[in-house]
Amino acid sequence: MIFYRTRSQMDAEDLLQDVMLQAYKAIGRLKSPEVFRSWLYRIAVNRVRDYYRKKQFRSLFGFVSTDDENFYESQSPELAVAPEAEGGISRKEFWHQIEQMLSTLSRMEKEVFMLRFLDELTINEMSAALKKNESTIKTHLYRALNKVKAMAGDLDGLMEGI
């Protein structure tokens, strides 16, 4: 989850270490072991948000670049230059199309979509991780799915390459 959101293995590893350290320090405050997964996701999501806030702040002063042009180069080699499937699309093209699709969603729609389909959280777990009501999560997920379905026809070959 962290790697997908940061697009950098090195940054993801650093953030994961921070998340685990923060979880270790706060584990005593966890009241119910049943919510551990969503509790840990909440820590991770908040840490990734902090990462982007810092990155955006630094970019204002010219310390880092905020463009994501090198997304595929920062991934592992097999993801960056995957051969095209026969009659389908390459993995790079597929993820580029997914990125385009996700860019049309609002921040909350994108978050619930990714938590549901990439991180495979349940509605209840998403609700706990984002500290939002389940009906709010369902509404944003419904809107995201409608936008994705509408875009599916526009993304040539998206489903053929899977």
N, C-alpha and C. Protein backbone atom coordinates (compact mmCIF):
# COMPACT_ATOMS: atom_id res chain seq x y z
N MET A 1 0.83 -1.18 0.00
CA MET A 1 0.00 0.00 0.00
C MET A 1 0.88 1.24 0.00
N ILE A 2 1.88 1.27 0.83
CA ILE A 2 2.76 2.43 0.91
C ILE A 2 3.56 2.58 -0.38
N PHE A 3 4.08 1.49 -0.91
CA PHE A 3 4.85 1.54 -2.16
C PHE A 3 4.00 2.09 -3.30
N TYR A 4 2.78 1.62 -3.42
CA TYR A 4 1.92 2.07 -4.51
C TYR A 4 1.66 3.57 -4.41
N ARG A 5 1.51 4.05 -3.20
CA ARG A 5 1.20 5.47 -3.01
C ARG A 5 2.42 6.38 -3.14
N THR A 6 3.61 5.88 -2.80
CA THR A 6 4.81 6.73 -2.88
C THR A 6 5.54 6.59 -4.19
N ARG A 7 5.38 5.45 -4.85
CA ARG A 7 6.02 5.18 -6.14
C ARG A 7 7.54 5.12 -6.03
N SER A 8 8.02 4.85 -4.86
CA SER A 8 9.46 4.77 -4.65
C SER A 8 9.73 3.70 -3.60
N GLN A 9 10.51 2.71 -3.98
CA GLN A 9 10.80 1.62 -3.05
C GLN A 9 11.55 2.14 -1.82
N MET A 10 12.49 3.02 -2.03
CA MET A 10 13.28 3.55 -0.93
C MET A 10 12.41 4.35 0.05
N ASP A 11 11.56 5.23 -0.48
CA ASP A 11 10.67 6.01 0.38
C ASP A 11 9.67 5.11 1.08
N ALA A 12 9.16 4.11 0.36
CA ALA A 12 8.20 3.18 0.96
C ALA A 12 8.82 2.42 2.12
N GLU A 13 10.06 1.99 1.96
CA GLU A 13 10.74 1.27 3.04
C GLU A 13 10.95 2.18 4.25
N ASP A 14 11.32 3.42 4.01
CA ASP A 14 11.50 4.38 5.11
C ASP A 14 10.17 4.62 5.83
N LEU A 15 9.12 4.83 5.05
CA LEU A 15 7.81 5.07 5.65
C LEU A 15 7.31 3.85 6.41
N LEU A 16 7.54 2.67 5.85
CA LEU A 16 7.13 1.44 6.54
C LEU A 16 7.83 1.32 7.89
N GLN A 17 9.10 1.66 7.90
CA GLN A 17 9.84 1.62 9.16
C GLN A 17 9.23 2.60 10.16
N ASP A 18 8.88 3.80 9.70
CA ASP A 18 8.23 4.79 10.57
C ASP A 18 6.89 4.29 11.08
N VAL A 19 6.11 3.67 10.19
CA VAL A 19 4.80 3.14 10.56
C VAL A 19 4.94 2.07 11.63
N MET A 20 5.88 1.16 11.42
CA MET A 20 6.05 0.07 12.39
C MET A 20 6.55 0.60 13.73
N LEU A 21 7.42 1.58 13.72
CA LEU A 21 7.91 2.18 14.95
C LEU A 21 6.78 2.90 15.69
N GLN A 22 5.98 3.64 14.94
CA GLN A 22 4.85 4.34 15.53
C GLN A 22 3.83 3.34 16.09
N ALA A 23 3.58 2.26 15.37
CA ALA A 23 2.65 1.23 15.84
C ALA A 23 3.18 0.56 17.10
N TYR A 24 4.46 0.27 17.12
CA TYR A 24 5.08 -0.35 18.28
C TYR A 24 4.93 0.52 19.53
N LYS A 25 5.14 1.83 19.35
CA LYS A 25 5.03 2.75 20.47
C LYS A 25 3.59 2.90 20.96
N ALA A 26 2.63 2.76 20.05
CA ALA A 26 1.24 3.01 20.40
C ALA A 26 0.42 1.73 20.62
N ILE A 27 1.03 0.57 20.50
CA ILE A 27 0.28 -0.69 20.60
C ILE A 27 -0.46 -0.83 21.94
N GLY A 28 0.08 -0.25 22.98
CA GLY A 28 -0.56 -0.31 24.29
C GLY A 28 -1.89 0.42 24.33
N ARG A 29 -2.09 1.37 23.45
CA ARG A 29 -3.36 2.12 23.41
C ARG A 29 -4.41 1.44 22.56
N LEU A 30 -4.05 0.37 21.85
CA LEU A 30 -5.00 -0.36 21.03
C LEU A 30 -5.93 -1.14 21.96
N LYS A 31 -7.20 -0.82 21.92
CA LYS A 31 -8.15 -1.41 22.87
C LYS A 31 -8.68 -2.77 22.45
N SER A 32 -8.74 -3.00 21.14
CA SER A 32 -9.32 -4.25 20.66
C SER A 32 -8.44 -4.85 19.56
N PRO A 33 -7.97 -6.07 19.75
CA PRO A 33 -7.12 -6.69 18.72
C PRO A 33 -7.84 -6.91 17.38
N GLU A 34 -9.16 -6.93 17.40
CA GLU A 34 -9.93 -7.16 16.16
C GLU A 34 -9.75 -6.01 15.16
N VAL A 35 -9.43 -4.82 15.66
CA VAL A 35 -9.30 -3.67 14.76
C VAL A 35 -7.83 -3.38 14.42
N PHE A 36 -6.95 -4.31 14.73
CA PHE A 36 -5.52 -4.09 14.50
C PHE A 36 -5.21 -3.72 13.04
N ARG A 37 -5.78 -4.47 12.10
CA ARG A 37 -5.49 -4.23 10.68
C ARG A 37 -5.89 -2.81 10.26
N SER A 38 -7.10 -2.40 10.58
CA SER A 38 -7.54 -1.06 10.19
C SER A 38 -6.77 0.01 10.97
N TRP A 39 -6.41 -0.28 12.22
CA TRP A 39 -5.61 0.64 13.02
C TRP A 39 -4.24 0.85 12.36
N LEU A 40 -3.62 -0.23 11.91
CA LEU A 40 -2.32 -0.14 11.25
C LEU A 40 -2.43 0.58 9.91
N TYR A 41 -3.50 0.33 9.16
CA TYR A 41 -3.72 1.04 7.90
C TYR A 41 -3.89 2.53 8.15
N ARG A 42 -4.61 2.89 9.23
CA ARG A 42 -4.80 4.29 9.54
C ARG A 42 -3.45 4.97 9.78
N ILE A 43 -2.59 4.31 10.52
CA ILE A 43 -1.25 4.85 10.77
C ILE A 43 -0.50 5.02 9.45
N ALA A 44 -0.56 3.99 8.59
CA ALA A 44 0.15 4.03 7.30
C ALA A 44 -0.41 5.13 6.40
N VAL A 45 -1.72 5.22 6.29
CA VAL A 45 -2.34 6.25 5.44
C VAL A 45 -1.95 7.64 5.93
N ASN A 46 -1.99 7.84 7.24
CA ASN A 46 -1.61 9.15 7.79
C ASN A 46 -0.14 9.45 7.54
N ARG A 47 0.71 8.45 7.64
CA ARG A 47 2.14 8.64 7.40
C ARG A 47 2.41 9.00 5.94
N VAL A 48 1.68 8.36 5.01
CA VAL A 48 1.83 8.69 3.59
C VAL A 48 1.35 10.12 3.33
N ARG A 49 0.27 10.52 3.96
CA ARG A 49 -0.21 11.90 3.81
C ARG A 49 0.83 12.89 4.31
N ASP A 50 1.43 12.58 5.45
CA ASP A 50 2.50 13.44 5.98
C ASP A 50 3.66 13.53 4.99
N TYR A 51 4.01 12.40 4.40
CA TYR A 51 5.08 12.35 3.41
C TYR A 51 4.80 13.32 2.26
N TYR A 52 3.57 13.31 1.74
CA TYR A 52 3.24 14.19 0.63
C TYR A 52 3.15 15.65 1.05
N ARG A 53 2.71 15.92 2.28
CA ARG A 53 2.71 17.29 2.77
C ARG A 53 4.13 17.84 2.83
N LYS A 54 5.05 17.03 3.35
CA LYS A 54 6.44 17.45 3.42
C LYS A 54 7.03 17.64 2.03
N LYS A 55 6.71 16.71 1.14
CA LYS A 55 7.23 16.78 -0.24
C LYS A 55 6.70 18.04 -0.93
N GLN A 56 5.44 18.34 -0.72
CA GLN A 56 4.85 19.52 -1.33
C GLN A 56 5.47 20.79 -0.73
N PHE A 57 5.67 20.80 0.56
CA PHE A 57 6.29 21.95 1.22
C PHE A 57 7.70 22.17 0.70
N ARG A 58 8.47 21.09 0.58
CA ARG A 58 9.85 21.20 0.08
C ARG A 58 9.88 21.67 -1.36
N SER A 59 8.90 21.25 -2.16
CA SER A 59 8.88 21.64 -3.56
C SER A 59 8.63 23.13 -3.72
N LEU A 60 7.95 23.74 -2.75
CA LEU A 60 7.73 25.18 -2.80
C LEU A 60 9.05 25.94 -2.74
N PHE A 61 10.04 25.33 -2.09
CA PHE A 61 11.34 25.97 -1.96
C PHE A 61 12.37 25.40 -2.93
N GLY A 62 11.92 24.54 -3.85
CA GLY A 62 12.80 24.03 -4.89
C GLY A 62 13.70 22.90 -4.46
N PHE A 63 13.39 22.24 -3.35
CA PHE A 63 14.23 21.14 -2.87
C PHE A 63 13.99 19.83 -3.61
N VAL A 64 12.75 19.57 -4.03
CA VAL A 64 12.43 18.33 -4.75
C VAL A 64 11.48 18.64 -5.89
N SER A 65 11.43 17.73 -6.84
CA SER A 65 10.51 17.85 -7.95
C SER A 65 9.24 17.09 -7.62
N THR A 66 8.09 17.65 -7.98
CA THR A 66 6.83 16.99 -7.69
C THR A 66 6.26 16.24 -8.89
N ASP A 67 6.94 16.29 -10.04
CA ASP A 67 6.39 15.59 -11.20
C ASP A 67 6.62 14.08 -11.06
N ASP A 68 5.67 13.32 -11.55
CA ASP A 68 5.72 11.87 -11.42
C ASP A 68 6.04 11.22 -12.76
N GLU A 69 6.78 11.89 -13.60
CA GLU A 69 7.10 11.36 -14.92
C GLU A 69 7.90 10.06 -14.83
N ASN A 70 8.71 9.90 -13.81
CA ASN A 70 9.58 8.73 -13.71
C ASN A 70 8.97 7.63 -12.86
N PHE A 71 7.65 7.57 -12.79
CA PHE A 71 6.97 6.56 -11.98
C PHE A 71 7.42 5.15 -12.32
N TYR A 72 7.46 4.83 -13.58
CA TYR A 72 7.78 3.46 -13.97
C TYR A 72 9.25 3.14 -13.81
N GLU A 73 10.10 4.14 -13.94
CA GLU A 73 11.52 3.90 -13.75
C GLU A 73 11.85 3.62 -12.29
N SER A 74 11.02 4.14 -11.36
CA SER A 74 11.28 3.94 -9.94
C SER A 74 10.81 2.57 -9.46
N GLN A 75 10.07 1.87 -10.29
CA GLN A 75 9.59 0.55 -9.89
C GLN A 75 10.61 -0.51 -10.24
N SER A 76 10.32 -1.71 -9.81
CA SER A 76 11.23 -2.80 -10.09
C SER A 76 11.32 -3.04 -11.59
N PRO A 77 12.44 -3.57 -12.08
CA PRO A 77 12.67 -3.72 -13.52
C PRO A 77 11.58 -4.53 -14.23
N GLU A 78 11.08 -5.57 -13.58
CA GLU A 78 10.08 -6.38 -14.28
C GLU A 78 8.77 -5.63 -14.47
N LEU A 79 8.48 -4.63 -13.60
CA LEU A 79 7.29 -3.82 -13.80
C LEU A 79 7.55 -2.72 -14.83
N ALA A 80 8.76 -2.23 -14.87
CA ALA A 80 9.07 -1.10 -15.73
C ALA A 80 9.09 -1.48 -17.21
N VAL A 81 9.59 -2.63 -17.54
CA VAL A 81 9.71 -3.02 -18.94
C VAL A 81 9.12 -4.40 -19.17
N ALA A 82 7.92 -4.59 -18.70
CA ALA A 82 7.26 -5.88 -18.90
C ALA A 82 6.92 -6.03 -20.37
N PRO A 83 7.15 -7.20 -20.95
CA PRO A 83 6.81 -7.40 -22.35
C PRO A 83 5.29 -7.38 -22.54
N GLU A 84 4.89 -7.01 -23.72
CA GLU A 84 3.46 -6.98 -23.98
C GLU A 84 2.90 -8.38 -24.04
N ALA A 85 1.72 -8.53 -23.43
CA ALA A 85 1.02 -9.80 -23.52
C ALA A 85 0.47 -9.91 -24.94
N GLU A 86 0.38 -11.12 -25.42
CA GLU A 86 -0.10 -11.31 -26.78
C GLU A 86 -1.53 -10.80 -26.90
N GLY A 87 -1.74 -9.83 -27.76
CA GLY A 87 -3.06 -9.26 -27.98
C GLY A 87 -3.51 -8.32 -26.88
N GLY A 88 -2.68 -8.03 -25.90
CA GLY A 88 -3.07 -7.16 -24.80
C GLY A 88 -2.18 -5.95 -24.70
N ILE A 89 -2.10 -5.42 -23.52
CA ILE A 89 -1.27 -4.25 -23.29
C ILE A 89 -0.14 -4.60 -22.34
N SER A 90 0.90 -3.81 -22.35
CA SER A 90 2.01 -4.06 -21.43
C SER A 90 1.61 -3.63 -20.02
N ARG A 91 2.33 -4.12 -19.07
CA ARG A 91 2.06 -3.79 -17.68
C ARG A 91 2.23 -2.29 -17.45
N LYS A 92 3.23 -1.72 -18.10
CA LYS A 92 3.48 -0.28 -17.97
C LYS A 92 2.28 0.52 -18.48
N GLU A 93 1.77 0.14 -19.64
CA GLU A 93 0.60 0.82 -20.19
C GLU A 93 -0.62 0.64 -19.29
N PHE A 94 -0.79 -0.57 -18.77
CA PHE A 94 -1.91 -0.85 -17.89
C PHE A 94 -1.89 0.08 -16.68
N TRP A 95 -0.73 0.18 -16.00
CA TRP A 95 -0.63 1.01 -14.81
C TRP A 95 -0.74 2.49 -15.15
N HIS A 96 -0.29 2.86 -16.34
CA HIS A 96 -0.46 4.25 -16.77
C HIS A 96 -1.95 4.56 -16.93
N GLN A 97 -2.70 3.63 -17.51
CA GLN A 97 -4.14 3.83 -17.66
C GLN A 97 -4.84 3.86 -16.30
N ILE A 98 -4.39 3.03 -15.38
CA ILE A 98 -4.96 3.04 -14.02
C ILE A 98 -4.69 4.40 -13.37
N GLU A 99 -3.48 4.90 -13.52
CA GLU A 99 -3.13 6.22 -12.96
C GLU A 99 -4.02 7.31 -13.55
N GLN A 100 -4.25 7.26 -14.86
CA GLN A 100 -5.12 8.24 -15.50
C GLN A 100 -6.53 8.15 -14.94
N MET A 101 -7.02 6.93 -14.79
CA MET A 101 -8.36 6.72 -14.27
C MET A 101 -8.47 7.27 -12.85
N LEU A 102 -7.50 6.95 -12.00
CA LEU A 102 -7.55 7.40 -10.61
C LEU A 102 -7.43 8.92 -10.49
N SER A 103 -6.78 9.54 -11.44
CA SER A 103 -6.62 11.00 -11.39
C SER A 103 -7.95 11.72 -11.57
N THR A 104 -8.96 11.06 -12.11
CA THR A 104 -10.27 11.69 -12.30
C THR A 104 -11.12 11.62 -11.04
N LEU A 105 -10.70 10.83 -10.07
CA LEU A 105 -11.48 10.68 -8.84
C LEU A 105 -11.10 11.75 -7.83
N SER A 106 -12.06 12.08 -6.97
CA SER A 106 -11.75 13.00 -5.88
C SER A 106 -10.80 12.30 -4.91
N ARG A 107 -10.21 13.05 -4.00
CA ARG A 107 -9.25 12.49 -3.06
C ARG A 107 -9.88 11.35 -2.26
N MET A 108 -11.09 11.56 -1.75
CA MET A 108 -11.74 10.54 -0.94
C MET A 108 -12.16 9.33 -1.79
N GLU A 109 -12.66 9.59 -2.99
CA GLU A 109 -13.03 8.49 -3.88
C GLU A 109 -11.82 7.64 -4.21
N LYS A 110 -10.71 8.29 -4.50
CA LYS A 110 -9.48 7.58 -4.82
C LYS A 110 -9.02 6.75 -3.63
N GLU A 111 -9.08 7.33 -2.44
CA GLU A 111 -8.64 6.64 -1.23
C GLU A 111 -9.47 5.39 -0.97
N VAL A 112 -10.81 5.50 -1.03
CA VAL A 112 -11.63 4.33 -0.75
C VAL A 112 -11.51 3.29 -1.87
N PHE A 113 -11.36 3.74 -3.10
CA PHE A 113 -11.18 2.81 -4.21
C PHE A 113 -9.90 1.99 -4.03
N MET A 114 -8.82 2.67 -3.70
CA MET A 114 -7.54 1.98 -3.52
C MET A 114 -7.56 1.07 -2.29
N LEU A 115 -8.15 1.53 -1.22
CA LEU A 115 -8.24 0.68 -0.02
C LEU A 115 -9.08 -0.56 -0.30
N ARG A 116 -10.13 -0.40 -1.08
CA ARG A 116 -11.02 -1.54 -1.34
C ARG A 116 -10.43 -2.52 -2.34
N PHE A 117 -9.91 -2.02 -3.46
CA PHE A 117 -9.52 -2.92 -4.54
C PHE A 117 -8.02 -3.22 -4.62
N LEU A 118 -7.19 -2.33 -4.14
CA LEU A 118 -5.76 -2.62 -4.14
C LEU A 118 -5.31 -3.20 -2.81
N ASP A 119 -5.86 -2.67 -1.72
CA ASP A 119 -5.47 -3.14 -0.39
C ASP A 119 -6.44 -4.17 0.17
N GLU A 120 -7.58 -4.36 -0.50
CA GLU A 120 -8.58 -5.37 -0.17
C GLU A 120 -9.14 -5.26 1.24
N LEU A 121 -9.41 -4.04 1.68
CA LEU A 121 -10.04 -3.82 2.96
C LEU A 121 -11.56 -3.92 2.81
N THR A 122 -12.23 -4.31 3.88
CA THR A 122 -13.69 -4.34 3.88
C THR A 122 -14.20 -2.93 4.16
N ILE A 123 -15.50 -2.73 3.97
CA ILE A 123 -16.11 -1.43 4.25
C ILE A 123 -15.87 -1.07 5.72
N ASN A 124 -16.06 -2.02 6.60
CA ASN A 124 -15.85 -1.79 8.03
C ASN A 124 -14.40 -1.39 8.33
N GLU A 125 -13.45 -2.08 7.73
CA GLU A 125 -12.03 -1.76 7.94
C GLU A 125 -11.68 -0.38 7.37
N MET A 126 -12.25 -0.05 6.21
CA MET A 126 -12.01 1.27 5.63
C MET A 126 -12.59 2.35 6.52
N SER A 127 -13.76 2.09 7.06
CA SER A 127 -14.41 3.04 7.96
C SER A 127 -13.54 3.32 9.18
N ALA A 128 -12.98 2.28 9.75
CA ALA A 128 -12.10 2.44 10.92
C ALA A 128 -10.79 3.12 10.53
N ALA A 129 -10.22 2.75 9.39
CA ALA A 129 -8.94 3.31 8.97
C ALA A 129 -9.04 4.79 8.64
N LEU A 130 -10.14 5.20 8.05
CA LEU A 130 -10.31 6.59 7.64
C LEU A 130 -11.08 7.43 8.65
N LYS A 131 -11.59 6.76 9.70
CA LYS A 131 -12.40 7.42 10.73
C LYS A 131 -13.61 8.12 10.11
N LYS A 132 -14.27 7.39 9.23
CA LYS A 132 -15.47 7.89 8.56
C LYS A 132 -16.60 6.89 8.78
N ASN A 133 -17.81 7.37 8.71
CA ASN A 133 -18.99 6.53 8.82
C ASN A 133 -19.04 5.55 7.65
N GLU A 134 -19.54 4.34 7.89
CA GLU A 134 -19.62 3.33 6.82
C GLU A 134 -20.46 3.81 5.64
N SER A 135 -21.53 4.54 5.91
CA SER A 135 -22.36 5.03 4.80
C SER A 135 -21.59 6.06 3.96
N THR A 136 -20.74 6.83 4.59
CA THR A 136 -19.90 7.78 3.84
C THR A 136 -18.92 7.03 2.95
N ILE A 137 -18.32 5.97 3.48
CA ILE A 137 -17.40 5.14 2.70
C ILE A 137 -18.13 4.53 1.51
N LYS A 138 -19.31 4.00 1.75
CA LYS A 138 -20.10 3.37 0.68
C LYS A 138 -20.46 4.39 -0.40
N THR A 139 -20.82 5.59 0.01
CA THR A 139 -21.17 6.63 -0.96
C THR A 139 -19.99 6.98 -1.86
N HIS A 140 -18.82 7.18 -1.24
CA HIS A 140 -17.63 7.52 -2.03
C HIS A 140 -17.20 6.35 -2.92
N LEU A 141 -17.32 5.14 -2.42
CA LEU A 141 -16.98 3.98 -3.22
C LEU A 141 -17.94 3.84 -4.40
N TYR A 142 -19.23 4.06 -4.17
CA TYR A 142 -20.23 4.00 -5.23
C TYR A 142 -19.93 5.03 -6.32
N ARG A 143 -19.60 6.26 -5.91
CA ARG A 143 -19.28 7.31 -6.87
C ARG A 143 -18.02 6.95 -7.67
N ALA A 144 -17.02 6.43 -6.96
CA ALA A 144 -15.77 6.04 -7.63
C ALA A 144 -16.04 4.95 -8.65
N LEU A 145 -16.81 3.95 -8.27
CA LEU A 145 -17.11 2.85 -9.19
C LEU A 145 -17.87 3.34 -10.42
N ASN A 146 -18.79 4.26 -10.23
CA ASN A 146 -19.53 4.81 -11.37
C ASN A 146 -18.60 5.55 -12.32
N LYS A 147 -17.66 6.32 -11.78
CA LYS A 147 -16.70 7.03 -12.63
C LYS A 147 -15.79 6.05 -13.35
N VAL A 148 -15.37 5.00 -12.65
CA VAL A 148 -14.49 4.00 -13.26
C VAL A 148 -15.22 3.28 -14.38
N LYS A 149 -16.47 2.90 -14.14
CA LYS A 149 -17.26 2.23 -15.18
C LYS A 149 -17.44 3.13 -16.40
N ALA A 150 -17.68 4.41 -16.16
CA ALA A 150 -17.84 5.35 -17.27
C ALA A 150 -16.56 5.49 -18.07
N MET A 151 -15.43 5.45 -17.37
CA MET A 151 -14.14 5.58 -18.05
C MET A 151 -13.69 4.30 -18.73
N ALA A 152 -14.19 3.17 -18.30
CA ALA A 152 -13.73 1.88 -18.81
C ALA A 152 -13.84 1.81 -20.33
N GLY A 153 -14.87 2.38 -20.89
CA GLY A 153 -15.01 2.40 -22.34
C GLY A 153 -13.99 3.29 -23.02
N ASP A 154 -13.54 4.32 -22.31
CA ASP A 154 -12.56 5.25 -22.87
C ASP A 154 -11.14 4.69 -22.86
N LEU A 155 -10.87 3.74 -21.98
CA LEU A 155 -9.53 3.19 -21.87
C LEU A 155 -9.42 1.97 -22.78
N ASP A 156 -8.96 2.18 -23.97
CA ASP A 156 -8.85 1.12 -24.96
C ASP A 156 -7.99 -0.02 -24.46
N GLY A 157 -8.53 -1.22 -24.50
CA GLY A 157 -7.76 -2.41 -24.19
C GLY A 157 -7.45 -2.65 -22.72
N LEU A 158 -8.03 -1.86 -21.82
CA LEU A 158 -7.70 -2.02 -20.41
C LEU A 158 -8.00 -3.43 -19.93
N MET A 159 -9.15 -3.94 -20.24
CA MET A 159 -9.52 -5.25 -19.74
C MET A 159 -8.93 -6.38 -20.58
N GLU A 160 -8.54 -6.10 -21.80
CA GLU A 160 -7.98 -7.15 -22.66
C GLU A 160 -6.63 -7.64 -22.18
N GLY A 161 -5.86 -6.78 -21.55
CA GLY A 161 -4.51 -7.12 -21.13
C GLY A 161 -4.44 -7.83 -19.80
N ILE A 162 -5.58 -7.97 -19.14
CA ILE A 162 -5.58 -8.58 -17.82
C ILE A 162 -5.65 -10.09 -17.92
